[in-house]
Amino acid sequence: MSKRISGPPRRPRDPVAKAVRTPRFKQRVVPDKRWQERLKEQEEVADKPKET
């Protein structure tokens, strides 16, 4: 099998695809803010003494 002659790459380089592979675009775990609000509400209800 002979070597390919040097020249332009077979496929053009895609700068967007290269940028997407950087750590900047990796998925991050973001805490859900809705749950924090619900937890606060539950704590407030639990802190209040029940009047029967």
PDB file of N, CA and C in Angstrom:
ATOM      1  N   MET A   1       0.850  -1.174   0.000  1.00  0.00           N
ATOM      2  CA  MET A   1       0.000   0.000   0.000  1.00  0.00           C
ATOM      3  C   MET A   1       0.900   1.243   0.000  1.00  0.00           C
ATOM      4  N   SER A   2       0.656   2.115  -0.931  1.00  0.00           N
ATOM      5  CA  SER A   2       1.506   3.295  -1.051  1.00  0.00           C
ATOM      6  C   SER A   2       0.975   4.431  -0.187  1.00  0.00           C
ATOM      7  N   LYS A   3       1.892   5.325   0.168  1.00  0.00           N
ATOM      8  CA  LYS A   3       1.504   6.474   0.988  1.00  0.00           C
ATOM      9  C   LYS A   3       0.720   7.472   0.146  1.00  0.00           C
ATOM     10  N   ARG A   4      -0.139   8.180   0.819  1.00  0.00           N
ATOM     11  CA  ARG A   4      -0.883   9.239   0.144  1.00  0.00           C
ATOM     12  C   ARG A   4       0.035  10.434  -0.032  1.00  0.00           C
ATOM     13  N   ILE A   5      -0.047  11.060  -1.183  1.00  0.00           N
ATOM     14  CA  ILE A   5       0.816  12.223  -1.405  1.00  0.00           C
ATOM     15  C   ILE A   5       0.366  13.367  -0.507  1.00  0.00           C
ATOM     16  N   SER A   6       1.308  14.179  -0.074  1.00  0.00           N
ATOM     17  CA  SER A   6       0.957  15.282   0.822  1.00  0.00           C
ATOM     18  C   SER A   6       0.154  16.322   0.047  1.00  0.00           C
ATOM     19  N   GLY A   7      -0.841  16.830   0.687  1.00  0.00           N
ATOM     20  CA  GLY A   7      -1.708  17.828   0.061  1.00  0.00           C
ATOM     21  C   GLY A   7      -2.770  18.246   1.036  1.00  0.00           C
ATOM     22  N   PRO A   8      -3.833  18.781   0.526  1.00  0.00           N
ATOM     23  CA  PRO A   8      -4.894  19.199   1.440  1.00  0.00           C
ATOM     24  C   PRO A   8      -5.550  17.987   2.098  1.00  0.00           C
ATOM     25  N   PRO A   9      -6.108  18.157   3.289  1.00  0.00           N
ATOM     26  CA  PRO A   9      -6.757  17.021   3.947  1.00  0.00           C
ATOM     27  C   PRO A   9      -7.945  16.520   3.125  1.00  0.00           C
ATOM     28  N   ARG A  10      -8.294  15.269   3.329  1.00  0.00           N
ATOM     29  CA  ARG A  10      -9.402  14.700   2.553  1.00  0.00           C
ATOM     30  C   ARG A  10     -10.705  15.414   2.868  1.00  0.00           C
ATOM     31  N   ARG A  11     -10.917  15.706   4.147  1.00  0.00           N
ATOM     32  CA  ARG A  11     -12.104  16.472   4.536  1.00  0.00           C
ATOM     33  C   ARG A  11     -11.649  17.820   5.074  1.00  0.00           C
ATOM     34  N   PRO A  12     -12.373  18.884   4.765  1.00  0.00           N
ATOM     35  CA  PRO A  12     -11.994  20.181   5.348  1.00  0.00           C
ATOM     36  C   PRO A  12     -12.202  20.162   6.854  1.00  0.00           C
ATOM     37  N   ARG A  13     -11.357  20.837   7.568  1.00  0.00           N
ATOM     38  CA  ARG A  13     -11.473  20.889   9.015  1.00  0.00           C
ATOM     39  C   ARG A  13     -12.680  21.746   9.394  1.00  0.00           C
ATOM     40  N   ASP A  14     -13.430  21.279  10.363  1.00  0.00           N
ATOM     41  CA  ASP A  14     -14.624  21.986  10.803  1.00  0.00           C
ATOM     42  C   ASP A  14     -14.326  22.673  12.133  1.00  0.00           C
ATOM     43  N   PRO A  15     -14.189  23.995  12.145  1.00  0.00           N
ATOM     44  CA  PRO A  15     -13.843  24.692  13.395  1.00  0.00           C
ATOM     45  C   PRO A  15     -14.924  24.561  14.462  1.00  0.00           C
ATOM     46  N   VAL A  16     -16.185  24.443  14.065  1.00  0.00           N
ATOM     47  CA  VAL A  16     -17.262  24.316  15.038  1.00  0.00           C
ATOM     48  C   VAL A  16     -17.157  22.969  15.743  1.00  0.00           C
ATOM     49  N   ALA A  17     -16.939  21.916  14.975  1.00  0.00           N
ATOM     50  CA  ALA A  17     -16.826  20.582  15.569  1.00  0.00           C
ATOM     51  C   ALA A  17     -15.627  20.516  16.511  1.00  0.00           C
ATOM     52  N   LYS A  18     -14.559  21.197  16.162  1.00  0.00           N
ATOM     53  CA  LYS A  18     -13.369  21.201  17.020  1.00  0.00           C
ATOM     54  C   LYS A  18     -13.668  21.960  18.319  1.00  0.00           C
ATOM     55  N   ALA A  19     -14.388  23.062  18.230  1.00  0.00           N
ATOM     56  CA  ALA A  19     -14.700  23.870  19.404  1.00  0.00           C
ATOM     57  C   ALA A  19     -15.634  23.121  20.351  1.00  0.00           C
ATOM     58  N   VAL A  20     -16.544  22.341  19.781  1.00  0.00           N
ATOM     59  CA  VAL A  20     -17.518  21.632  20.612  1.00  0.00           C
ATOM     60  C   VAL A  20     -16.838  20.544  21.431  1.00  0.00           C
ATOM     61  N   ARG A  21     -15.690  20.057  20.997  1.00  0.00           N
ATOM     62  CA  ARG A  21     -14.992  19.004  21.743  1.00  0.00           C
ATOM     63  C   ARG A  21     -14.199  19.550  22.922  1.00  0.00           C
ATOM     64  N   THR A  22     -14.164  20.849  23.099  1.00  0.00           N
ATOM     65  CA  THR A  22     -13.414  21.436  24.212  1.00  0.00           C
ATOM     66  C   THR A  22     -14.209  21.300  25.512  1.00  0.00           C
ATOM     67  N   PRO A  23     -13.557  21.377  26.671  1.00  0.00           N
ATOM     68  CA  PRO A  23     -14.263  21.217  27.947  1.00  0.00           C
ATOM     69  C   PRO A  23     -15.343  22.264  28.190  1.00  0.00           C
ATOM     70  N   ARG A  24     -15.265  23.374  27.493  1.00  0.00           N
ATOM     71  CA  ARG A  24     -16.252  24.444  27.681  1.00  0.00           C
ATOM     72  C   ARG A  24     -17.665  23.964  27.357  1.00  0.00           C
ATOM     73  N   PHE A  25     -17.783  23.020  26.436  1.00  0.00           N
ATOM     74  CA  PHE A  25     -19.095  22.564  26.005  1.00  0.00           C
ATOM     75  C   PHE A  25     -19.493  21.240  26.643  1.00  0.00           C
ATOM     76  N   LYS A  26     -18.706  20.726  27.582  1.00  0.00           N
ATOM     77  CA  LYS A  26     -19.071  19.470  28.234  1.00  0.00           C
ATOM     78  C   LYS A  26     -20.296  19.682  29.117  1.00  0.00           C
ATOM     79  N   GLN A  27     -21.079  18.618  29.297  1.00  0.00           N
ATOM     80  CA  GLN A  27     -22.266  18.741  30.132  1.00  0.00           C
ATOM     81  C   GLN A  27     -21.859  18.951  31.582  1.00  0.00           C
ATOM     82  N   ARG A  28     -22.580  19.846  32.240  1.00  0.00           N
ATOM     83  CA  ARG A  28     -22.311  20.134  33.641  1.00  0.00           C
ATOM     84  C   ARG A  28     -23.538  19.747  34.464  1.00  0.00           C
ATOM     85  N   VAL A  29     -23.303  19.392  35.706  1.00  0.00           N
ATOM     86  CA  VAL A  29     -24.397  19.096  36.606  1.00  0.00           C
ATOM     87  C   VAL A  29     -24.806  20.397  37.275  1.00  0.00           C
ATOM     88  N   VAL A  30     -26.008  20.827  36.978  1.00  0.00           N
ATOM     89  CA  VAL A  30     -26.510  22.082  37.528  1.00  0.00           C
ATOM     90  C   VAL A  30     -27.604  21.738  38.525  1.00  0.00           C
ATOM     91  N   PRO A  31     -27.488  22.195  39.761  1.00  0.00           N
ATOM     92  CA  PRO A  31     -28.541  21.888  40.740  1.00  0.00           C
ATOM     93  C   PRO A  31     -29.868  22.522  40.321  1.00  0.00           C
ATOM     94  N   ASP A  32     -30.926  21.785  40.547  1.00  0.00           N
ATOM     95  CA  ASP A  32     -32.258  22.246  40.179  1.00  0.00           C
ATOM     96  C   ASP A  32     -32.759  23.219  41.236  1.00  0.00           C
ATOM     97  N   LYS A  33     -33.009  24.443  40.839  1.00  0.00           N
ATOM     98  CA  LYS A  33     -33.412  25.475  41.792  1.00  0.00           C
ATOM     99  C   LYS A  33     -34.822  25.256  42.311  1.00  0.00           C
ATOM    100  N   ARG A  34     -35.655  24.563  41.530  1.00  0.00           N
ATOM    101  CA  ARG A  34     -37.027  24.337  41.971  1.00  0.00           C
ATOM    102  C   ARG A  34     -37.058  23.505  43.244  1.00  0.00           C
ATOM    103  N   TRP A  35     -36.167  22.528  43.342  1.00  0.00           N
ATOM    104  CA  TRP A  35     -36.155  21.672  44.533  1.00  0.00           C
ATOM    105  C   TRP A  35     -35.744  22.449  45.772  1.00  0.00           C
ATOM    106  N   GLN A  36     -34.845  23.398  45.610  1.00  0.00           N
ATOM    107  CA  GLN A  36     -34.420  24.195  46.762  1.00  0.00           C
ATOM    108  C   GLN A  36     -35.605  24.972  47.345  1.00  0.00           C
ATOM    109  N   GLU A  37     -36.438  25.512  46.462  1.00  0.00           N
ATOM    110  CA  GLU A  37     -37.601  26.265  46.938  1.00  0.00           C
ATOM    111  C   GLU A  37     -38.557  25.349  47.686  1.00  0.00           C
ATOM    112  N   ARG A  38     -38.780  24.151  47.150  1.00  0.00           N
ATOM    113  CA  ARG A  38     -39.700  23.210  47.805  1.00  0.00           C
ATOM    114  C   ARG A  38     -39.152  22.767  49.150  1.00  0.00           C
ATOM    115  N   LEU A  39     -37.844  22.551  49.243  1.00  0.00           N
ATOM    116  CA  LEU A  39     -37.249  22.145  50.513  1.00  0.00           C
ATOM    117  C   LEU A  39     -37.415  23.249  51.556  1.00  0.00           C
ATOM    118  N   LYS A  40     -37.249  24.493  51.136  1.00  0.00           N
ATOM    119  CA  LYS A  40     -37.423  25.611  52.068  1.00  0.00           C
ATOM    120  C   LYS A  40     -38.862  25.660  52.579  1.00  0.00           C
ATOM    121  N   GLU A  41     -39.812  25.443  51.653  1.00  0.00           N
ATOM    122  CA  GLU A  41     -41.216  25.467  52.052  1.00  0.00           C
ATOM    123  C   GLU A  41     -41.508  24.355  53.059  1.00  0.00           C
ATOM    124  N   GLN A  42     -40.969  23.181  52.817  1.00  0.00           N
ATOM    125  CA  GLN A  42     -41.204  22.057  53.722  1.00  0.00           C
ATOM    126  C   GLN A  42     -40.586  22.324  55.092  1.00  0.00           C
ATOM    127  N   GLU A  43     -39.406  22.940  55.124  1.00  0.00           N
ATOM    128  CA  GLU A  43     -38.760  23.257  56.400  1.00  0.00           C
ATOM    129  C   GLU A  43     -39.596  24.270  57.186  1.00  0.00           C
ATOM    130  N   GLU A  44     -40.149  25.264  56.472  1.00  0.00           N
ATOM    131  CA  GLU A  44     -40.966  26.272  57.142  1.00  0.00           C
ATOM    132  C   GLU A  44     -42.208  25.626  57.747  1.00  0.00           C
ATOM    133  N   VAL A  45     -42.817  24.711  57.016  1.00  0.00           N
ATOM    134  CA  VAL A  45     -44.013  24.028  57.510  1.00  0.00           C
ATOM    135  C   VAL A  45     -43.651  23.156  58.700  1.00  0.00           C
ATOM    136  N   ALA A  46     -42.508  22.494  58.661  1.00  0.00           N
ATOM    137  CA  ALA A  46     -42.087  21.623  59.749  1.00  0.00           C
ATOM    138  C   ALA A  46     -41.707  22.433  61.000  1.00  0.00           C
ATOM    139  N   ASP A  47     -41.177  23.634  60.815  1.00  0.00           N
ATOM    140  CA  ASP A  47     -40.764  24.462  61.947  1.00  0.00           C
ATOM    141  C   ASP A  47     -41.960  25.023  62.721  1.00  0.00           C
ATOM    142  N   LYS A  48     -43.060  25.285  62.019  1.00  0.00           N
ATOM    143  CA  LYS A  48     -44.220  25.851  62.693  1.00  0.00           C
ATOM    144  C   LYS A  48     -44.894  24.770  63.538  1.00  0.00           C
ATOM    145  N   PRO A  49     -45.204  25.083  64.785  1.00  0.00           N
ATOM    146  CA  PRO A  49     -45.912  24.077  65.611  1.00  0.00           C
ATOM    147  C   PRO A  49     -47.352  23.928  65.129  1.00  0.00           C
ATOM    148  N   LYS A  50     -47.804  22.699  65.079  1.00  0.00           N
ATOM    149  CA  LYS A  50     -49.165  22.441  64.601  1.00  0.00           C
ATOM    150  C   LYS A  50     -50.166  22.795  65.712  1.00  0.00           C
ATOM    151  N   GLU A  51     -51.183  23.537  65.324  1.00  0.00           N
ATOM    152  CA  GLU A  51     -52.232  23.901  66.265  1.00  0.00           C
ATOM    153  C   GLU A  51     -53.412  23.000  66.032  1.00  0.00           C
ATOM    154  N   THR A  52     -53.791  22.228  67.044  1.00  0.00           N
ATOM    155  CA  THR A  52     -54.938  21.322  66.888  1.00  0.00           C
ATOM    156  C   THR A  52     -56.115  21.747  67.714  1.00  0.00           C
TER     157      THR A  52
END
